[in-house]
Amino acid sequence: MQKLFFEVFSTLEVNPELKSLLSEVLVTKAATNAARDRLRIYLLSTRLIHKTGIFQLEKAIKEQLFPASRLTVKIIEKYNLSGQYNPRKLMDVYKDSLLEEIKAISFLDYNMLRCAKMEFPQDHILRLILEDTVIAGQRSDELVEFLEKVVCERCGLDMTVEVEYQERTESKYKKNSELAMANEIHNIIARSGRGAKADGEGLDGHSMGPEQGSMVLTAEDGASHG
């Protein structure tokens, strides 16, 4: 039997913004497992609630209503959105929430989604463009499953995800660092050569042959000069 959220949790205290969002939310089901250490609460809303709000709600229910229990509270939200929404428009307003949610599941997947490009060749087709890395190749199926589950099952919209890979681009910082190191190595070798020609002797007073006058520079040496 469906009831308004605050009919079920009448004493729960949350911040005003979250309270406003929950004012028309329905609790459709609440259930515990056999061990009674997990509580699942199913919500139905016509307005999107950012995942940070859902996390805050789970914490508030646990701390205020079950403070002495080892119970884990999990909220499963579902949305009955208006006809103005399609996957393209949903992603415009809900992407930050998706990132917050997936970060709590997998930091690798979070970084993939954060760095990915999203294009909509059609309103109901998402083209997800990932950097061509080993991790992306291994984890792209899980990322697609996550996106389709949220958009299709939770939000009730039809969406197909197409994955494309693009060559990974080096960061500007990395390129500049490598260029600076190469220039520094070149300058050190040049100075060393000029010094050897001028002195003609090593530190021990003997003349330096080709091998004695050469310099071996490791990556660590170059880094220390950068």
C-alpha atoms as a PDB file:
ATOM      1  CA  MET A   1       0.000   0.000   0.000  1.00  0.00           C
ATOM      2  CA  GLN A   2       1.481   3.328  -1.038  1.00  0.00           C
ATOM      3  CA  LYS A   3       1.784   6.135   1.496  1.00  0.00           C
ATOM      4  CA  LEU A   4       3.302   9.589   1.452  1.00  0.00           C
ATOM      5  CA  PHE A   5       6.853   9.613   2.745  1.00  0.00           C
ATOM      6  CA  PHE A   6       6.146  11.712   5.835  1.00  0.00           C
ATOM      7  CA  GLU A   7       3.149   9.582   6.723  1.00  0.00           C
ATOM      8  CA  VAL A   8       5.579   6.708   7.129  1.00  0.00           C
ATOM      9  CA  PHE A   9       8.491   8.690   8.567  1.00  0.00           C
ATOM     10  CA  SER A  10       6.625  11.432  10.388  1.00  0.00           C
ATOM     11  CA  THR A  11       9.356  12.198  12.943  1.00  0.00           C
ATOM     12  CA  LEU A  12      12.264  12.279  10.515  1.00  0.00           C
ATOM     13  CA  GLU A  13      14.148  15.563  10.327  1.00  0.00           C
ATOM     14  CA  VAL A  14      15.936  16.581   7.119  1.00  0.00           C
ATOM     15  CA  ASN A  15      17.045  19.878   5.584  1.00  0.00           C
ATOM     16  CA  PRO A  16      14.308  22.125   4.100  1.00  0.00           C
ATOM     17  CA  GLU A  17      15.272  21.504   0.458  1.00  0.00           C
ATOM     18  CA  LEU A  18      15.150  17.734   0.852  1.00  0.00           C
ATOM     19  CA  LYS A  19      11.943  17.985   2.884  1.00  0.00           C
ATOM     20  CA  SER A  20      10.293  19.897   0.041  1.00  0.00           C
ATOM     21  CA  LEU A  21      11.350  17.256  -2.505  1.00  0.00           C
ATOM     22  CA  LEU A  22      10.017  14.466  -0.266  1.00  0.00           C
ATOM     23  CA  SER A  23       6.664  16.120   0.392  1.00  0.00           C
ATOM     24  CA  GLU A  24       4.987  14.379  -2.570  1.00  0.00           C
ATOM     25  CA  VAL A  25       7.143  11.239  -2.640  1.00  0.00           C
ATOM     26  CA  LEU A  26       5.415   7.899  -2.098  1.00  0.00           C
ATOM     27  CA  VAL A  27       6.796   4.953  -0.161  1.00  0.00           C
ATOM     28  CA  THR A  28       5.749   1.951  -2.251  1.00  0.00           C
ATOM     29  CA  LYS A  29       7.450  -0.757  -0.198  1.00  0.00           C
ATOM     30  CA  ALA A  30       9.712  -1.330   2.799  1.00  0.00           C
ATOM     31  CA  ALA A  31      11.325  -4.684   3.490  1.00  0.00           C
ATOM     32  CA  THR A  32      14.070  -6.269   5.589  1.00  0.00           C
ATOM     33  CA  ASN A  33      16.105  -9.371   4.893  1.00  0.00           C
ATOM     34  CA  ALA A  34      15.925 -12.576   6.962  1.00  0.00           C
ATOM     35  CA  ALA A  35      18.734 -11.445   9.244  1.00  0.00           C
ATOM     36  CA  ARG A  36      16.989  -8.089   9.767  1.00  0.00           C
ATOM     37  CA  ASP A  37      20.222  -6.188   9.256  1.00  0.00           C
ATOM     38  CA  ARG A  38      19.204  -4.555   5.970  1.00  0.00           C
ATOM     39  CA  LEU A  39      16.239  -2.301   5.313  1.00  0.00           C
ATOM     40  CA  ARG A  40      15.220  -1.481   1.749  1.00  0.00           C
ATOM     41  CA  ILE A  41      12.863   1.431   1.180  1.00  0.00           C
ATOM     42  CA  TYR A  42      11.295   1.888  -2.267  1.00  0.00           C
ATOM     43  CA  LEU A  43      10.295   5.424  -3.274  1.00  0.00           C
ATOM     44  CA  LEU A  44       8.303   6.805  -6.190  1.00  0.00           C
ATOM     45  CA  SER A  45       8.732  10.464  -7.119  1.00  0.00           C
ATOM     46  CA  THR A  46       7.680  12.791  -9.919  1.00  0.00           C
ATOM     47  CA  ARG A  47      10.712  15.003  -9.276  1.00  0.00           C
ATOM     48  CA  LEU A  48      14.376  14.094  -9.552  1.00  0.00           C
ATOM     49  CA  ILE A  49      16.322  13.870  -6.313  1.00  0.00           C
ATOM     50  CA  HIS A  50      20.100  14.237  -6.536  1.00  0.00           C
ATOM     51  CA  LYS A  51      21.953  11.181  -5.260  1.00  0.00           C
ATOM     52  CA  THR A  52      23.563  13.216  -2.491  1.00  0.00           C
ATOM     53  CA  GLY A  53      20.041  13.796  -1.165  1.00  0.00           C
ATOM     54  CA  ILE A  54      19.332  10.061  -1.283  1.00  0.00           C
ATOM     55  CA  PHE A  55      22.559   9.360   0.621  1.00  0.00           C
ATOM     56  CA  GLN A  56      21.627  12.002   3.213  1.00  0.00           C
ATOM     57  CA  LEU A  57      18.197  10.422   3.582  1.00  0.00           C
ATOM     58  CA  GLU A  58      19.638   6.946   4.148  1.00  0.00           C
ATOM     59  CA  LYS A  59      21.939   8.349   6.819  1.00  0.00           C
ATOM     60  CA  ALA A  60      19.141  10.293   8.527  1.00  0.00           C
ATOM     61  CA  ILE A  61      16.843   7.254   8.722  1.00  0.00           C
ATOM     62  CA  LYS A  62      19.631   5.113  10.153  1.00  0.00           C
ATOM     63  CA  GLU A  63      20.847   7.634  12.718  1.00  0.00           C
ATOM     64  CA  GLN A  64      17.481   8.999  13.852  1.00  0.00           C
ATOM     65  CA  LEU A  65      15.248   5.922  13.750  1.00  0.00           C
ATOM     66  CA  PHE A  66      17.684   3.041  14.298  1.00  0.00           C
ATOM     67  CA  PRO A  67      20.601   4.578  16.250  1.00  0.00           C
ATOM     68  CA  ALA A  68      21.482   1.468  18.259  1.00  0.00           C
ATOM     69  CA  SER A  69      21.009  -1.009  15.447  1.00  0.00           C
ATOM     70  CA  ARG A  70      23.549  -2.376  12.973  1.00  0.00           C
ATOM     71  CA  LEU A  71      20.886  -2.003  10.309  1.00  0.00           C
ATOM     72  CA  THR A  72      21.943  -0.848   6.838  1.00  0.00           C
ATOM     73  CA  VAL A  73      19.413   1.413   5.099  1.00  0.00           C
ATOM     74  CA  LYS A  74      19.177   1.328   1.319  1.00  0.00           C
ATOM     75  CA  ILE A  75      16.810   3.510  -0.696  1.00  0.00           C
ATOM     76  CA  ILE A  76      15.718   2.438  -4.162  1.00  0.00           C
ATOM     77  CA  GLU A  77      14.204   5.409  -5.950  1.00  0.00           C
ATOM     78  CA  LYS A  78      12.026   5.309  -9.050  1.00  0.00           C
ATOM     79  CA  TYR A  79      10.750   8.261 -11.046  1.00  0.00           C
ATOM     80  CA  ASN A  80       7.540   8.954 -12.899  1.00  0.00           C
ATOM     81  CA  LEU A  81       8.759  11.919 -14.932  1.00  0.00           C
ATOM     82  CA  SER A  82       6.735  14.278 -17.086  1.00  0.00           C
ATOM     83  CA  GLY A  83       6.682  14.034 -20.877  1.00  0.00           C
ATOM     84  CA  GLN A  84       9.195  16.907 -21.188  1.00  0.00           C
ATOM     85  CA  TYR A  85      12.001  14.494 -20.334  1.00  0.00           C
ATOM     86  CA  ASN A  86      13.930  12.391 -22.786  1.00  0.00           C
ATOM     87  CA  PRO A  87      17.424  10.894 -22.243  1.00  0.00           C
ATOM     88  CA  ARG A  88      19.133  13.954 -23.714  1.00  0.00           C
ATOM     89  CA  LYS A  89      17.349  16.375 -21.367  1.00  0.00           C
ATOM     90  CA  LEU A  90      17.671  13.982 -18.437  1.00  0.00           C
ATOM     91  CA  MET A  91      21.436  13.826 -18.840  1.00  0.00           C
ATOM     92  CA  ASP A  92      21.649  17.620 -18.847  1.00  0.00           C
ATOM     93  CA  VAL A  93      20.185  17.839 -15.338  1.00  0.00           C
ATOM     94  CA  TYR A  94      21.033  14.437 -13.843  1.00  0.00           C
ATOM     95  CA  LYS A  95      24.635  13.766 -14.931  1.00  0.00           C
ATOM     96  CA  ASP A  96      26.154  15.169 -11.718  1.00  0.00           C
ATOM     97  CA  SER A  97      23.926  12.835  -9.732  1.00  0.00           C
ATOM     98  CA  LEU A  98      25.062   9.885 -11.859  1.00  0.00           C
ATOM     99  CA  LEU A  99      28.693  10.777 -11.207  1.00  0.00           C
ATOM    100  CA  GLU A 100      28.096  10.993  -7.459  1.00  0.00           C
ATOM    101  CA  GLU A 101      26.356   7.636  -7.494  1.00  0.00           C
ATOM    102  CA  ILE A 102      28.928   5.767  -9.543  1.00  0.00           C
ATOM    103  CA  LYS A 103      31.776   7.213  -7.470  1.00  0.00           C
ATOM    104  CA  ALA A 104      30.352   5.380  -4.456  1.00  0.00           C
ATOM    105  CA  ILE A 105      30.346   2.142  -6.478  1.00  0.00           C
ATOM    106  CA  SER A 106      33.627   2.239  -8.414  1.00  0.00           C
ATOM    107  CA  PHE A 107      36.196   5.024  -8.610  1.00  0.00           C
ATOM    108  CA  LEU A 108      37.531   3.571 -11.878  1.00  0.00           C
ATOM    109  CA  ASP A 109      34.083   3.763 -13.479  1.00  0.00           C
ATOM    110  CA  TYR A 110      33.625   7.255 -12.033  1.00  0.00           C
ATOM    111  CA  ASN A 111      36.806   8.487 -13.726  1.00  0.00           C
ATOM    112  CA  MET A 112      35.784   6.854 -17.006  1.00  0.00           C
ATOM    113  CA  LEU A 113      32.376   8.528 -16.967  1.00  0.00           C
ATOM    114  CA  ARG A 114      33.782  11.873 -15.808  1.00  0.00           C
ATOM    115  CA  CYS A 115      36.264  11.956 -18.694  1.00  0.00           C
ATOM    116  CA  ALA A 116      33.872  10.527 -21.298  1.00  0.00           C
ATOM    117  CA  LYS A 117      32.213  12.606 -23.990  1.00  0.00           C
ATOM    118  CA  MET A 118      28.459  12.250 -24.336  1.00  0.00           C
ATOM    119  CA  GLU A 119      26.739  12.914 -27.636  1.00  0.00           C
ATOM    120  CA  PHE A 120      23.148  12.370 -28.683  1.00  0.00           C
ATOM    121  CA  PRO A 121      22.841  11.757 -32.430  1.00  0.00           C
ATOM    122  CA  GLN A 122      19.165  11.221 -31.584  1.00  0.00           C
ATOM    123  CA  ASP A 123      17.236  12.059 -28.417  1.00  0.00           C
ATOM    124  CA  HIS A 124      17.113   8.401 -27.352  1.00  0.00           C
ATOM    125  CA  ILE A 125      20.599   7.317 -28.449  1.00  0.00           C
ATOM    126  CA  LEU A 126      23.593   8.125 -26.272  1.00  0.00           C
ATOM    127  CA  ARG A 127      26.998   7.919 -27.911  1.00  0.00           C
ATOM    128  CA  LEU A 128      29.513   7.409 -25.121  1.00  0.00           C
ATOM    129  CA  ILE A 129      33.041   8.267 -26.266  1.00  0.00           C
ATOM    130  CA  LEU A 130      35.752   6.784 -24.030  1.00  0.00           C
ATOM    131  CA  GLU A 131      39.518   7.063 -24.073  1.00  0.00           C
ATOM    132  CA  ASP A 132      41.002   3.970 -25.711  1.00  0.00           C
ATOM    133  CA  THR A 133      42.607   2.351 -22.659  1.00  0.00           C
ATOM    134  CA  VAL A 134      42.801  -1.194 -21.311  1.00  0.00           C
ATOM    135  CA  ILE A 135      40.538  -0.255 -18.390  1.00  0.00           C
ATOM    136  CA  ALA A 136      37.929   1.262 -20.715  1.00  0.00           C
ATOM    137  CA  GLY A 137      37.918  -1.909 -22.795  1.00  0.00           C
ATOM    138  CA  GLN A 138      37.415  -4.027 -19.701  1.00  0.00           C
ATOM    139  CA  ARG A 139      34.869  -1.841 -17.905  1.00  0.00           C
ATOM    140  CA  SER A 140      32.761  -0.318 -20.678  1.00  0.00           C
ATOM    141  CA  ASP A 141      30.067  -3.029 -20.450  1.00  0.00           C
ATOM    142  CA  GLU A 142      29.562  -2.302 -16.735  1.00  0.00           C
ATOM    143  CA  LEU A 143      29.366   1.428 -17.442  1.00  0.00           C
ATOM    144  CA  VAL A 144      26.760   0.902 -20.179  1.00  0.00           C
ATOM    145  CA  GLU A 145      24.743  -1.356 -17.882  1.00  0.00           C
ATOM    146  CA  PHE A 146      24.806   1.273 -15.147  1.00  0.00           C
ATOM    147  CA  LEU A 147      23.627   4.065 -17.457  1.00  0.00           C
ATOM    148  CA  GLU A 148      20.863   2.022 -19.059  1.00  0.00           C
ATOM    149  CA  LYS A 149      19.633   0.752 -15.693  1.00  0.00           C
ATOM    150  CA  VAL A 150      19.385   4.264 -14.265  1.00  0.00           C
ATOM    151  CA  VAL A 151      17.799   5.881 -17.314  1.00  0.00           C
ATOM    152  CA  CYS A 152      15.524   3.012 -18.390  1.00  0.00           C
ATOM    153  CA  GLU A 153      14.552   1.285 -15.141  1.00  0.00           C
ATOM    154  CA  ARG A 154      14.758   4.110 -12.622  1.00  0.00           C
ATOM    155  CA  CYS A 155      13.575   6.977 -14.812  1.00  0.00           C
ATOM    156  CA  GLY A 156      11.280   5.046 -17.177  1.00  0.00           C
ATOM    157  CA  LEU A 157      12.849   6.302 -20.423  1.00  0.00           C
ATOM    158  CA  ASP A 158      14.015   4.404 -23.488  1.00  0.00           C
ATOM    159  CA  MET A 159      17.709   4.818 -24.221  1.00  0.00           C
ATOM    160  CA  THR A 160      20.350   2.906 -26.151  1.00  0.00           C
ATOM    161  CA  VAL A 161      24.043   3.431 -25.416  1.00  0.00           C
ATOM    162  CA  GLU A 162      26.623   3.181 -28.194  1.00  0.00           C
ATOM    163  CA  VAL A 163      30.287   3.064 -27.157  1.00  0.00           C
ATOM    164  CA  GLU A 164      33.105   4.542 -29.209  1.00  0.00           C
ATOM    165  CA  TYR A 165      36.793   4.749 -28.365  1.00  0.00           C
ATOM    166  CA  GLN A 166      39.170   7.557 -29.216  1.00  0.00           C
ATOM    167  CA  GLU A 167      42.943   7.675 -28.986  1.00  0.00           C
ATOM    168  CA  ARG A 168      44.122   8.808 -25.611  1.00  0.00           C
ATOM    169  CA  THR A 169      45.579  12.323 -25.678  1.00  0.00           C
ATOM    170  CA  GLU A 170      48.545  13.221 -23.517  1.00  0.00           C
ATOM    171  CA  SER A 171      48.022  16.015 -21.067  1.00  0.00           C
ATOM    172  CA  LYS A 172      49.589  19.390 -21.777  1.00  0.00           C
ATOM    173  CA  TYR A 173      51.397  19.220 -18.433  1.00  0.00           C
ATOM    174  CA  LYS A 174      53.017  15.883 -19.298  1.00  0.00           C
ATOM    175  CA  LYS A 175      54.154  17.113 -22.718  1.00  0.00           C
ATOM    176  CA  ASN A 176      55.623  20.288 -21.225  1.00  0.00           C
ATOM    177  CA  SER A 177      57.410  18.297 -18.503  1.00  0.00           C
ATOM    178  CA  GLU A 178      58.967  15.929 -21.021  1.00  0.00           C
ATOM    179  CA  LEU A 179      60.059  18.834 -23.232  1.00  0.00           C
ATOM    180  CA  ALA A 180      61.625  20.655 -20.271  1.00  0.00           C
ATOM    181  CA  MET A 181      63.501  17.509 -19.236  1.00  0.00           C
ATOM    182  CA  ALA A 182      64.845  16.973 -22.766  1.00  0.00           C
ATOM    183  CA  ASN A 183      66.045  20.593 -22.951  1.00  0.00           C
ATOM    184  CA  GLU A 184      67.715  20.327 -19.552  1.00  0.00           C
ATOM    185  CA  ILE A 185      69.514  17.111 -20.542  1.00  0.00           C
ATOM    186  CA  HIS A 186      70.711  18.762 -23.757  1.00  0.00           C
ATOM    187  CA  ASN A 187      72.042  21.790 -21.835  1.00  0.00           C
ATOM    188  CA  ILE A 188      73.840  19.639 -19.262  1.00  0.00           C
ATOM    189  CA  ILE A 189      75.549  17.581 -21.960  1.00  0.00           C
ATOM    190  CA  ALA A 190      76.501  20.722 -23.865  1.00  0.00           C
ATOM    191  CA  ARG A 191      78.001  22.360 -20.755  1.00  0.00           C
ATOM    192  CA  SER A 192      79.825  19.168 -19.891  1.00  0.00           C
ATOM    193  CA  GLY A 193      81.347  18.982 -23.367  1.00  0.00           C
ATOM    194  CA  ARG A 194      82.550  22.577 -23.237  1.00  0.00           C
ATOM    195  CA  GLY A 195      84.117  22.044 -19.824  1.00  0.00           C
ATOM    196  CA  ALA A 196      85.974  18.934 -20.924  1.00  0.00           C
ATOM    197  CA  LYS A 197      87.442  20.707 -23.938  1.00  0.00           C
ATOM    198  CA  ALA A 198      88.558  23.640 -21.823  1.00  0.00           C
ATOM    199  CA  ASP A 199      90.215  21.660 -19.019  1.00  0.00           C
ATOM    200  CA  GLY A 200      91.355  18.519 -20.782  1.00  0.00           C
ATOM    201  CA  GLU A 201      91.631  16.797 -17.391  1.00  0.00           C
ATOM    202  CA  GLY A 202      89.354  15.018 -14.988  1.00  0.00           C
ATOM    203  CA  LEU A 203      89.011  15.682 -11.263  1.00  0.00           C
ATOM    204  CA  ASP A 204      91.853  13.249 -10.514  1.00  0.00           C
ATOM    205  CA  GLY A 205      94.307  15.232 -12.613  1.00  0.00           C
ATOM    206  CA  HIS A 206      94.446  12.719 -15.482  1.00  0.00           C
ATOM    207  CA  SER A 207      93.396  13.351 -19.026  1.00  0.00           C
ATOM    208  CA  MET A 208      89.863  12.093 -19.752  1.00  0.00           C
ATOM    209  CA  GLY A 209      89.252   9.647 -22.551  1.00  0.00           C
ATOM    210  CA  PRO A 210      85.976   9.415 -24.407  1.00  0.00           C
ATOM    211  CA  GLU A 211      84.396   7.189 -21.776  1.00  0.00           C
ATOM    212  CA  GLN A 212      85.631   9.243 -18.816  1.00  0.00           C
ATOM    213  CA  GLY A 213      84.242  12.434 -20.283  1.00  0.00           C
ATOM    214  CA  SER A 214      80.805  11.050 -21.004  1.00  0.00           C
ATOM    215  CA  MET A 215      77.838  11.556 -18.715  1.00  0.00           C
ATOM    216  CA  VAL A 216      75.094   9.095 -17.875  1.00  0.00           C
ATOM    217  CA  LEU A 217      71.823  10.767 -16.935  1.00  0.00           C
ATOM    218  CA  THR A 218      68.855   8.810 -15.686  1.00  0.00           C
ATOM    219  CA  ALA A 219      65.231   9.829 -15.771  1.00  0.00           C
ATOM    220  CA  GLU A 220      65.447  10.537 -12.043  1.00  0.00           C
ATOM    221  CA  ASP A 221      68.365  12.954 -12.649  1.00  0.00           C
ATOM    222  CA  GLY A 222      66.393  14.802 -15.280  1.00  0.00           C
ATOM    223  CA  ALA A 223      63.366  14.999 -13.024  1.00  0.00           C
ATOM    224  CA  SER A 224      65.392  16.506 -10.191  1.00  0.00           C
ATOM    225  CA  HIS A 225      66.498  19.331 -12.465  1.00  0.00           C
ATOM    226  CA  GLY A 226      62.961  19.994 -13.620  1.00  0.00           C
END
